[in-house]
Amino acid sequence: MKRVLIDASSFILVHKCGILDIVIKMYHVNMSTSVVSEIMHKKSEEASTLCLFIDNGDITVLQDSLDDEGVSGVTLPKLGAGEKNSILHYTRIRLLHQSAFLILDDGKAARFCQKNSFRFINALLLVRILFLHHQVSRDEAQQAWQILTEKGRYSENILQNAATMEINELSFFYP
């Protein structure tokens, strides 16, 4: 299974659009302790779901370090703790020559990842990938997409890019 690191906003969006169970089955999902804390702080349905997945061993929690930036060699822009630590864990995994990618929906973090050639997708692309890989039906994908466009904060450019990205550009992210 491919290893993914997911941030809090993406986890919440993936849960709200109904594809979280599929993602958990198709990928080895990792989450930093700061992302876990961010989700748990809200005491929401997503927090309860996260507890179940962690307790069942379906999500691996990665411990954040105080000296992350020195370890990874990456200087990050000002980001939330969840995005920052997800990216730092990703860089550590890359240093070990292991394959992984990020799922994040934060614009600043996405721009940083794009600038540094870090592999990442957003929740919209995740829905499209699951559809292309026959993990969700057309109706399920359309419903999930609709929920994401209502709940997420996506620019027209991001929506257009997610809808039209070439299949060969997405193949790395297939389960």
N, C-alpha and C. Protein backbone atom coordinates (compact mmCIF):
# COMPACT_ATOMS: atom_id res chain seq x y z
N MET A 1 0.83 -1.19 0.00
CA MET A 1 0.00 0.00 0.00
C MET A 1 0.87 1.24 0.00
N LYS A 2 0.42 2.25 -0.70
CA LYS A 2 1.13 3.52 -0.72
C LYS A 2 0.93 4.26 0.60
N ARG A 3 1.97 4.92 1.00
CA ARG A 3 1.95 5.69 2.25
C ARG A 3 1.53 7.12 1.95
N VAL A 4 0.55 7.62 2.71
CA VAL A 4 0.10 9.00 2.57
C VAL A 4 0.16 9.69 3.93
N LEU A 5 0.43 10.98 3.88
CA LEU A 5 0.37 11.82 5.06
C LEU A 5 -0.76 12.81 4.81
N ILE A 6 -1.69 12.87 5.72
CA ILE A 6 -2.87 13.70 5.52
C ILE A 6 -2.94 14.77 6.61
N ASP A 7 -3.34 15.98 6.21
CA ASP A 7 -3.48 17.04 7.20
C ASP A 7 -4.92 17.08 7.71
N ALA A 8 -5.17 17.92 8.70
CA ALA A 8 -6.47 17.94 9.37
C ALA A 8 -7.61 18.36 8.45
N SER A 9 -7.43 19.43 7.70
CA SER A 9 -8.52 19.89 6.84
C SER A 9 -8.87 18.85 5.78
N SER A 10 -7.87 18.19 5.24
CA SER A 10 -8.13 17.14 4.24
C SER A 10 -8.83 15.95 4.87
N PHE A 11 -8.40 15.54 6.06
CA PHE A 11 -9.05 14.44 6.76
C PHE A 11 -10.53 14.76 6.97
N ILE A 12 -10.81 15.96 7.44
CA ILE A 12 -12.20 16.37 7.70
C ILE A 12 -13.00 16.38 6.41
N LEU A 13 -12.44 16.94 5.34
CA LEU A 13 -13.15 16.98 4.05
C LEU A 13 -13.39 15.57 3.50
N VAL A 14 -12.38 14.72 3.58
CA VAL A 14 -12.52 13.34 3.09
C VAL A 14 -13.59 12.59 3.89
N HIS A 15 -13.64 12.85 5.18
CA HIS A 15 -14.68 12.25 6.02
C HIS A 15 -16.06 12.77 5.62
N LYS A 16 -16.19 14.08 5.48
CA LYS A 16 -17.49 14.69 5.16
C LYS A 16 -18.04 14.22 3.80
N CYS A 17 -17.14 13.97 2.85
CA CYS A 17 -17.62 13.57 1.52
C CYS A 17 -17.82 12.07 1.39
N GLY A 18 -17.54 11.32 2.47
CA GLY A 18 -17.92 9.91 2.50
C GLY A 18 -16.94 8.91 1.92
N ILE A 19 -15.69 9.31 1.69
CA ILE A 19 -14.74 8.37 1.10
C ILE A 19 -13.64 7.93 2.06
N LEU A 20 -13.72 8.35 3.32
CA LEU A 20 -12.65 8.04 4.27
C LEU A 20 -12.42 6.54 4.44
N ASP A 21 -13.48 5.76 4.55
CA ASP A 21 -13.32 4.31 4.70
C ASP A 21 -12.55 3.70 3.53
N ILE A 22 -12.83 4.18 2.33
CA ILE A 22 -12.14 3.67 1.14
C ILE A 22 -10.67 4.06 1.18
N VAL A 23 -10.40 5.31 1.55
CA VAL A 23 -9.02 5.78 1.63
C VAL A 23 -8.23 4.94 2.63
N ILE A 24 -8.84 4.66 3.77
CA ILE A 24 -8.18 3.85 4.81
C ILE A 24 -7.87 2.44 4.28
N LYS A 25 -8.75 1.88 3.48
CA LYS A 25 -8.53 0.54 2.93
C LYS A 25 -7.49 0.53 1.82
N MET A 26 -7.38 1.64 1.08
CA MET A 26 -6.53 1.66 -0.11
C MET A 26 -5.12 2.19 0.14
N TYR A 27 -4.92 2.93 1.22
CA TYR A 27 -3.63 3.56 1.49
C TYR A 27 -3.19 3.30 2.92
N HIS A 28 -1.88 3.39 3.16
CA HIS A 28 -1.34 3.36 4.52
C HIS A 28 -1.33 4.81 4.99
N VAL A 29 -2.33 5.19 5.77
CA VAL A 29 -2.54 6.58 6.17
C VAL A 29 -1.71 6.91 7.41
N ASN A 30 -0.97 8.00 7.31
CA ASN A 30 -0.13 8.50 8.40
C ASN A 30 -0.59 9.91 8.75
N MET A 31 -0.42 10.26 10.02
CA MET A 31 -0.85 11.56 10.49
C MET A 31 0.10 12.01 11.59
N SER A 32 0.50 13.26 11.56
CA SER A 32 1.39 13.78 12.61
C SER A 32 0.59 14.00 13.89
N THR A 33 1.29 14.02 15.02
CA THR A 33 0.61 14.24 16.31
C THR A 33 -0.08 15.60 16.34
N SER A 34 0.49 16.59 15.66
CA SER A 34 -0.16 17.91 15.64
C SER A 34 -1.47 17.88 14.86
N VAL A 35 -1.54 17.06 13.81
CA VAL A 35 -2.80 16.92 13.06
C VAL A 35 -3.84 16.21 13.93
N VAL A 36 -3.40 15.16 14.62
CA VAL A 36 -4.31 14.45 15.52
C VAL A 36 -4.86 15.43 16.57
N SER A 37 -4.00 16.22 17.16
CA SER A 37 -4.42 17.18 18.19
C SER A 37 -5.41 18.20 17.63
N GLU A 38 -5.14 18.67 16.42
CA GLU A 38 -6.03 19.65 15.78
C GLU A 38 -7.43 19.07 15.59
N ILE A 39 -7.51 17.82 15.16
CA ILE A 39 -8.82 17.19 14.93
C ILE A 39 -9.50 16.89 16.26
N MET A 40 -8.75 16.36 17.22
CA MET A 40 -9.33 16.00 18.52
C MET A 40 -9.82 17.22 19.29
N HIS A 41 -9.17 18.33 19.10
CA HIS A 41 -9.54 19.57 19.79
C HIS A 41 -10.98 19.99 19.47
N LYS A 42 -11.44 19.64 18.28
CA LYS A 42 -12.77 20.06 17.84
C LYS A 42 -13.90 19.21 18.42
N LYS A 43 -13.57 18.07 19.00
CA LYS A 43 -14.57 17.17 19.59
C LYS A 43 -15.78 16.97 18.65
N SER A 44 -15.48 16.63 17.43
CA SER A 44 -16.48 16.48 16.39
C SER A 44 -16.66 15.01 16.03
N GLU A 45 -17.54 14.77 15.07
CA GLU A 45 -17.71 13.41 14.54
C GLU A 45 -16.40 12.90 13.95
N GLU A 46 -15.65 13.80 13.31
CA GLU A 46 -14.36 13.41 12.74
C GLU A 46 -13.39 12.98 13.84
N ALA A 47 -13.45 13.63 14.99
CA ALA A 47 -12.57 13.25 16.11
C ALA A 47 -12.90 11.84 16.59
N SER A 48 -14.18 11.52 16.71
CA SER A 48 -14.58 10.17 17.12
C SER A 48 -14.14 9.13 16.10
N THR A 49 -14.31 9.46 14.83
CA THR A 49 -13.89 8.54 13.77
C THR A 49 -12.38 8.34 13.80
N LEU A 50 -11.64 9.42 13.98
CA LEU A 50 -10.19 9.33 14.04
C LEU A 50 -9.75 8.42 15.18
N CYS A 51 -10.37 8.56 16.35
CA CYS A 51 -10.04 7.70 17.50
C CYS A 51 -10.21 6.23 17.14
N LEU A 52 -11.31 5.91 16.48
CA LEU A 52 -11.57 4.52 16.08
C LEU A 52 -10.49 4.00 15.14
N PHE A 53 -10.14 4.80 14.14
CA PHE A 53 -9.12 4.36 13.17
C PHE A 53 -7.75 4.21 13.82
N ILE A 54 -7.41 5.09 14.74
CA ILE A 54 -6.13 4.97 15.44
C ILE A 54 -6.14 3.74 16.33
N ASP A 55 -7.22 3.57 17.09
CA ASP A 55 -7.33 2.41 17.99
C ASP A 55 -7.27 1.09 17.23
N ASN A 56 -7.83 1.06 16.02
CA ASN A 56 -7.82 -0.16 15.20
C ASN A 56 -6.52 -0.35 14.43
N GLY A 57 -5.61 0.61 14.52
CA GLY A 57 -4.35 0.52 13.79
C GLY A 57 -4.46 0.87 12.32
N ASP A 58 -5.56 1.52 11.94
CA ASP A 58 -5.76 1.88 10.53
C ASP A 58 -5.05 3.17 10.14
N ILE A 59 -4.70 3.99 11.12
CA ILE A 59 -3.95 5.22 10.90
C ILE A 59 -2.72 5.17 11.80
N THR A 60 -1.57 5.45 11.22
CA THR A 60 -0.33 5.50 11.97
C THR A 60 -0.06 6.94 12.38
N VAL A 61 0.16 7.15 13.68
CA VAL A 61 0.45 8.49 14.18
C VAL A 61 1.96 8.64 14.27
N LEU A 62 2.48 9.68 13.63
CA LEU A 62 3.91 9.97 13.62
C LEU A 62 4.22 11.06 14.64
N GLN A 63 5.17 10.79 15.51
CA GLN A 63 5.52 11.74 16.56
C GLN A 63 6.28 12.93 15.98
N ASP A 64 5.82 14.12 16.33
CA ASP A 64 6.50 15.34 15.89
C ASP A 64 7.73 15.57 16.77
N SER A 65 8.73 16.20 16.20
CA SER A 65 9.98 16.47 16.90
C SER A 65 10.16 17.97 17.05
N LEU A 66 10.84 18.39 18.11
CA LEU A 66 11.07 19.81 18.33
C LEU A 66 12.08 20.39 17.34
N ASP A 67 12.98 19.56 16.83
CA ASP A 67 14.04 20.03 15.94
C ASP A 67 13.78 19.61 14.50
N ASP A 68 12.52 19.59 14.10
CA ASP A 68 12.16 19.09 12.78
C ASP A 68 12.89 19.76 11.63
N GLU A 69 12.94 21.09 11.64
CA GLU A 69 13.50 21.77 10.48
C GLU A 69 14.98 21.45 10.31
N GLY A 70 15.71 21.31 11.41
CA GLY A 70 17.12 20.95 11.32
C GLY A 70 17.32 19.55 10.78
N VAL A 71 16.41 18.64 11.10
CA VAL A 71 16.51 17.25 10.65
C VAL A 71 16.22 17.14 9.16
N SER A 72 15.20 17.84 8.70
CA SER A 72 14.75 17.66 7.33
C SER A 72 15.53 18.49 6.32
N GLY A 73 16.17 19.57 6.78
CA GLY A 73 16.88 20.44 5.85
C GLY A 73 15.95 21.33 5.05
N VAL A 74 14.69 21.42 5.43
CA VAL A 74 13.71 22.21 4.71
C VAL A 74 13.34 23.43 5.54
N THR A 75 13.33 24.57 4.90
CA THR A 75 12.86 25.78 5.56
C THR A 75 11.46 26.07 5.05
N LEU A 76 10.51 26.00 5.95
CA LEU A 76 9.11 26.13 5.57
C LEU A 76 8.61 27.56 5.75
N PRO A 77 7.62 27.93 4.95
CA PRO A 77 6.95 29.21 5.20
C PRO A 77 6.12 29.09 6.47
N LYS A 78 5.55 30.17 6.92
CA LYS A 78 4.69 30.13 8.10
C LYS A 78 3.44 29.32 7.75
N LEU A 79 3.30 28.16 8.39
CA LEU A 79 2.17 27.27 8.17
C LEU A 79 1.60 26.87 9.52
N GLY A 80 0.39 26.32 9.51
CA GLY A 80 -0.15 25.74 10.72
C GLY A 80 0.68 24.54 11.11
N ALA A 81 0.61 24.16 12.38
CA ALA A 81 1.42 23.04 12.89
C ALA A 81 1.14 21.75 12.13
N GLY A 82 -0.11 21.49 11.79
CA GLY A 82 -0.45 20.26 11.09
C GLY A 82 0.17 20.17 9.71
N GLU A 83 0.04 21.25 8.93
CA GLU A 83 0.63 21.27 7.59
C GLU A 83 2.16 21.19 7.69
N LYS A 84 2.71 21.98 8.59
CA LYS A 84 4.17 22.01 8.77
C LYS A 84 4.71 20.62 9.11
N ASN A 85 4.13 19.98 10.10
CA ASN A 85 4.65 18.68 10.51
C ASN A 85 4.36 17.58 9.50
N SER A 86 3.26 17.67 8.79
CA SER A 86 3.00 16.70 7.72
C SER A 86 4.09 16.79 6.65
N ILE A 87 4.43 18.01 6.25
CA ILE A 87 5.47 18.20 5.24
C ILE A 87 6.83 17.73 5.78
N LEU A 88 7.12 18.04 7.02
CA LEU A 88 8.40 17.61 7.59
C LEU A 88 8.51 16.09 7.68
N HIS A 89 7.42 15.43 8.06
CA HIS A 89 7.44 13.96 8.06
C HIS A 89 7.64 13.42 6.64
N TYR A 90 7.00 14.05 5.68
CA TYR A 90 7.16 13.66 4.28
C TYR A 90 8.63 13.78 3.86
N THR A 91 9.28 14.88 4.24
CA THR A 91 10.68 15.04 3.84
C THR A 91 11.56 13.98 4.48
N ARG A 92 11.27 13.60 5.71
CA ARG A 92 12.04 12.54 6.37
C ARG A 92 11.86 11.21 5.64
N ILE A 93 10.63 10.93 5.25
CA ILE A 93 10.34 9.68 4.53
C ILE A 93 11.10 9.67 3.20
N ARG A 94 11.13 10.80 2.52
CA ARG A 94 11.88 10.90 1.26
C ARG A 94 13.37 10.69 1.47
N LEU A 95 13.90 11.22 2.57
CA LEU A 95 15.33 11.04 2.86
C LEU A 95 15.67 9.56 3.04
N LEU A 96 14.69 8.78 3.47
CA LEU A 96 14.88 7.33 3.63
C LEU A 96 14.61 6.58 2.33
N HIS A 97 14.39 7.33 1.26
CA HIS A 97 14.11 6.78 -0.07
C HIS A 97 12.87 5.91 -0.09
N GLN A 98 11.89 6.30 0.71
CA GLN A 98 10.62 5.59 0.72
C GLN A 98 9.59 6.42 -0.05
N SER A 99 8.66 5.75 -0.65
CA SER A 99 7.64 6.42 -1.45
C SER A 99 6.48 6.87 -0.57
N ALA A 100 6.03 8.08 -0.79
CA ALA A 100 4.89 8.62 -0.04
C ALA A 100 4.38 9.85 -0.78
N PHE A 101 3.21 10.30 -0.37
CA PHE A 101 2.71 11.58 -0.85
C PHE A 101 1.82 12.20 0.21
N LEU A 102 1.55 13.48 0.01
CA LEU A 102 0.74 14.27 0.95
C LEU A 102 -0.66 14.47 0.40
N ILE A 103 -1.63 14.50 1.30
CA ILE A 103 -2.98 14.95 0.96
C ILE A 103 -3.20 16.18 1.81
N LEU A 104 -3.28 17.33 1.14
CA LEU A 104 -3.50 18.58 1.87
C LEU A 104 -4.33 19.54 1.04
N ASP A 105 -5.08 20.37 1.74
CA ASP A 105 -5.98 21.30 1.08
C ASP A 105 -5.70 22.75 1.49
N ASP A 106 -4.54 22.99 2.05
CA ASP A 106 -4.13 24.34 2.43
C ASP A 106 -3.36 24.97 1.28
N GLY A 107 -3.80 26.13 0.81
CA GLY A 107 -3.20 26.76 -0.36
C GLY A 107 -1.72 27.08 -0.19
N LYS A 108 -1.34 27.63 0.95
CA LYS A 108 0.06 28.00 1.18
C LYS A 108 0.94 26.75 1.20
N ALA A 109 0.48 25.70 1.86
CA ALA A 109 1.23 24.44 1.91
C ALA A 109 1.33 23.82 0.51
N ALA A 110 0.24 23.88 -0.24
CA ALA A 110 0.24 23.32 -1.60
C ALA A 110 1.24 24.06 -2.50
N ARG A 111 1.26 25.38 -2.41
CA ARG A 111 2.21 26.16 -3.22
C ARG A 111 3.65 25.80 -2.84
N PHE A 112 3.91 25.64 -1.55
CA PHE A 112 5.25 25.25 -1.10
C PHE A 112 5.62 23.87 -1.67
N CYS A 113 4.70 22.93 -1.58
CA CYS A 113 4.96 21.58 -2.09
C CYS A 113 5.20 21.60 -3.60
N GLN A 114 4.40 22.37 -4.31
CA GLN A 114 4.56 22.46 -5.76
C GLN A 114 5.93 23.06 -6.11
N LYS A 115 6.31 24.13 -5.42
CA LYS A 115 7.59 24.80 -5.66
C LYS A 115 8.77 23.85 -5.40
N ASN A 116 8.62 22.94 -4.43
CA ASN A 116 9.70 22.04 -4.04
C ASN A 116 9.56 20.63 -4.63
N SER A 117 8.65 20.47 -5.58
CA SER A 117 8.43 19.18 -6.26
C SER A 117 8.08 18.06 -5.29
N PHE A 118 7.35 18.38 -4.23
CA PHE A 118 6.85 17.37 -3.30
C PHE A 118 5.56 16.82 -3.87
N ARG A 119 5.39 15.52 -3.79
CA ARG A 119 4.18 14.88 -4.33
C ARG A 119 3.01 15.10 -3.38
N PHE A 120 1.95 15.71 -3.91
CA PHE A 120 0.76 15.98 -3.10
C PHE A 120 -0.47 16.06 -3.99
N ILE A 121 -1.59 15.81 -3.37
CA ILE A 121 -2.89 16.00 -4.00
C ILE A 121 -3.82 16.63 -2.97
N ASN A 122 -4.96 17.11 -3.45
CA ASN A 122 -5.99 17.60 -2.53
C ASN A 122 -7.16 16.59 -2.53
N ALA A 123 -8.15 16.88 -1.71
CA ALA A 123 -9.28 15.96 -1.58
C ALA A 123 -10.05 15.80 -2.89
N LEU A 124 -10.13 16.87 -3.68
CA LEU A 124 -10.80 16.77 -4.99
C LEU A 124 -10.11 15.74 -5.88
N LEU A 125 -8.80 15.83 -5.95
CA LEU A 125 -8.06 14.87 -6.78
C LEU A 125 -8.15 13.46 -6.22
N LEU A 126 -8.22 13.34 -4.92
CA LEU A 126 -8.37 12.02 -4.31
C LEU A 126 -9.66 11.36 -4.77
N VAL A 127 -10.75 12.11 -4.81
CA VAL A 127 -12.03 11.58 -5.31
C VAL A 127 -11.87 11.14 -6.75
N ARG A 128 -11.25 11.97 -7.56
CA ARG A 128 -11.07 11.64 -8.98
C ARG A 128 -10.22 10.38 -9.15
N ILE A 129 -9.16 10.25 -8.36
CA ILE A 129 -8.29 9.08 -8.42
C ILE A 129 -9.05 7.82 -8.03
N LEU A 130 -9.83 7.90 -6.97
CA LEU A 130 -10.61 6.72 -6.55
C LEU A 130 -11.63 6.33 -7.61
N PHE A 131 -12.19 7.31 -8.29
CA PHE A 131 -13.12 7.01 -9.39
C PHE A 131 -12.36 6.36 -10.56
N LEU A 132 -11.25 6.93 -10.96
CA LEU A 132 -10.47 6.39 -12.08
C LEU A 132 -9.93 5.00 -11.77
N HIS A 133 -9.72 4.72 -10.49
CA HIS A 133 -9.20 3.41 -10.07
C HIS A 133 -10.35 2.46 -9.70
N HIS A 134 -11.59 2.84 -10.04
CA HIS A 134 -12.78 2.02 -9.85
C HIS A 134 -13.07 1.68 -8.39
N GLN A 135 -12.75 2.61 -7.49
CA GLN A 135 -13.04 2.39 -6.07
C GLN A 135 -14.35 3.06 -5.65
N VAL A 136 -14.81 4.02 -6.44
CA VAL A 136 -16.11 4.65 -6.22
C VAL A 136 -16.82 4.73 -7.57
N SER A 137 -18.13 4.69 -7.52
CA SER A 137 -18.92 4.79 -8.75
C SER A 137 -18.97 6.26 -9.21
N ARG A 138 -19.46 6.45 -10.41
CA ARG A 138 -19.61 7.82 -10.93
C ARG A 138 -20.53 8.64 -10.02
N ASP A 139 -21.64 8.04 -9.59
CA ASP A 139 -22.57 8.75 -8.70
C ASP A 139 -21.91 9.11 -7.36
N GLU A 140 -21.16 8.17 -6.79
CA GLU A 140 -20.46 8.44 -5.52
C GLU A 140 -19.41 9.54 -5.69
N ALA A 141 -18.70 9.50 -6.81
CA ALA A 141 -17.69 10.52 -7.08
C ALA A 141 -18.34 11.89 -7.26
N GLN A 142 -19.44 11.94 -8.00
CA GLN A 142 -20.12 13.22 -8.20
C GLN A 142 -20.67 13.77 -6.89
N GLN A 143 -21.21 12.90 -6.06
CA GLN A 143 -21.72 13.33 -4.76
C GLN A 143 -20.59 13.84 -3.87
N ALA A 144 -19.48 13.11 -3.83
CA ALA A 144 -18.33 13.53 -3.03
C ALA A 144 -17.78 14.86 -3.54
N TRP A 145 -17.68 14.99 -4.85
CA TRP A 145 -17.18 16.24 -5.46
C TRP A 145 -18.07 17.41 -5.06
N GLN A 146 -19.37 17.20 -5.12
CA GLN A 146 -20.33 18.25 -4.76
C GLN A 146 -20.13 18.69 -3.30
N ILE A 147 -19.99 17.72 -2.41
CA ILE A 147 -19.78 18.04 -0.98
C ILE A 147 -18.48 18.81 -0.81
N LEU A 148 -17.43 18.38 -1.49
CA LEU A 148 -16.14 19.06 -1.37
C LEU A 148 -16.21 20.49 -1.88
N THR A 149 -16.91 20.71 -2.97
CA THR A 149 -17.00 22.07 -3.49
C THR A 149 -17.84 22.97 -2.59
N GLU A 150 -18.76 22.37 -1.85
CA GLU A 150 -19.57 23.14 -0.90
C GLU A 150 -18.82 23.41 0.40
N LYS A 151 -18.09 22.41 0.90
CA LYS A 151 -17.44 22.50 2.22
C LYS A 151 -16.01 23.05 2.14
N GLY A 152 -15.33 22.75 1.04
CA GLY A 152 -13.94 23.18 0.91
C GLY A 152 -13.85 24.61 0.39
N ARG A 153 -12.67 25.16 0.51
CA ARG A 153 -12.42 26.52 0.00
C ARG A 153 -11.48 26.41 -1.19
N TYR A 154 -12.05 26.13 -2.35
CA TYR A 154 -11.27 25.93 -3.56
C TYR A 154 -11.50 27.09 -4.52
N SER A 155 -10.41 27.59 -5.09
CA SER A 155 -10.53 28.62 -6.12
C SER A 155 -11.02 27.97 -7.41
N GLU A 156 -11.48 28.79 -8.33
CA GLU A 156 -11.90 28.28 -9.64
C GLU A 156 -10.74 27.58 -10.34
N ASN A 157 -9.54 28.11 -10.17
CA ASN A 157 -8.35 27.52 -10.77
C ASN A 157 -8.10 26.11 -10.23
N ILE A 158 -8.22 25.94 -8.92
CA ILE A 158 -8.01 24.62 -8.29
C ILE A 158 -9.09 23.65 -8.78
N LEU A 159 -10.33 24.10 -8.81
CA LEU A 159 -11.43 23.24 -9.29
C LEU A 159 -11.19 22.81 -10.73
N GLN A 160 -10.80 23.74 -11.58
CA GLN A 160 -10.55 23.44 -12.99
C GLN A 160 -9.38 22.47 -13.13
N ASN A 161 -8.32 22.71 -12.38
CA ASN A 161 -7.14 21.84 -12.43
C ASN A 161 -7.50 20.42 -12.00
N ALA A 162 -8.26 20.30 -10.91
CA ALA A 162 -8.64 18.97 -10.41
C ALA A 162 -9.53 18.23 -11.41
N ALA A 163 -10.37 18.96 -12.12
CA ALA A 163 -11.29 18.34 -13.07
C ALA A 163 -10.60 17.93 -14.37
N THR A 164 -9.51 18.61 -14.71
CA THR A 164 -8.91 18.38 -16.03
C THR A 164 -7.50 17.80 -16.00
N MET A 165 -6.94 17.55 -14.83
CA MET A 165 -5.58 17.01 -14.77
C MET A 165 -5.50 15.71 -15.55
N GLU A 166 -4.44 15.56 -16.31
CA GLU A 166 -4.25 14.38 -17.14
C GLU A 166 -4.09 13.13 -16.28
N ILE A 167 -4.62 12.03 -16.77
CA ILE A 167 -4.57 10.76 -16.04
C ILE A 167 -3.13 10.36 -15.74
N ASN A 168 -2.22 10.58 -16.69
CA ASN A 168 -0.82 10.19 -16.45
C ASN A 168 -0.19 11.01 -15.31
N GLU A 169 -0.69 12.21 -15.05
CA GLU A 169 -0.19 13.02 -13.93
C GLU A 169 -0.69 12.50 -12.59
N LEU A 170 -1.75 11.70 -12.62
CA LEU A 170 -2.34 11.17 -11.39
C LEU A 170 -1.89 9.75 -11.06
N SER A 171 -1.28 9.08 -12.00
CA SER A 171 -1.00 7.65 -11.84
C SER A 171 -0.13 7.35 -10.62
N PHE A 172 0.80 8.23 -10.25
CA PHE A 172 1.63 7.97 -9.07
C PHE A 172 0.78 7.81 -7.82
N PHE A 173 -0.35 8.49 -7.77
CA PHE A 173 -1.19 8.52 -6.57
C PHE A 173 -2.20 7.39 -6.51
N TYR A 174 -2.24 6.55 -7.56
CA TYR A 174 -3.18 5.43 -7.54
C TYR A 174 -2.83 4.48 -6.41
N PRO A 175 -3.89 3.90 -5.81
CA PRO A 175 -3.65 2.92 -4.73
C PRO A 175 -2.86 1.72 -5.24
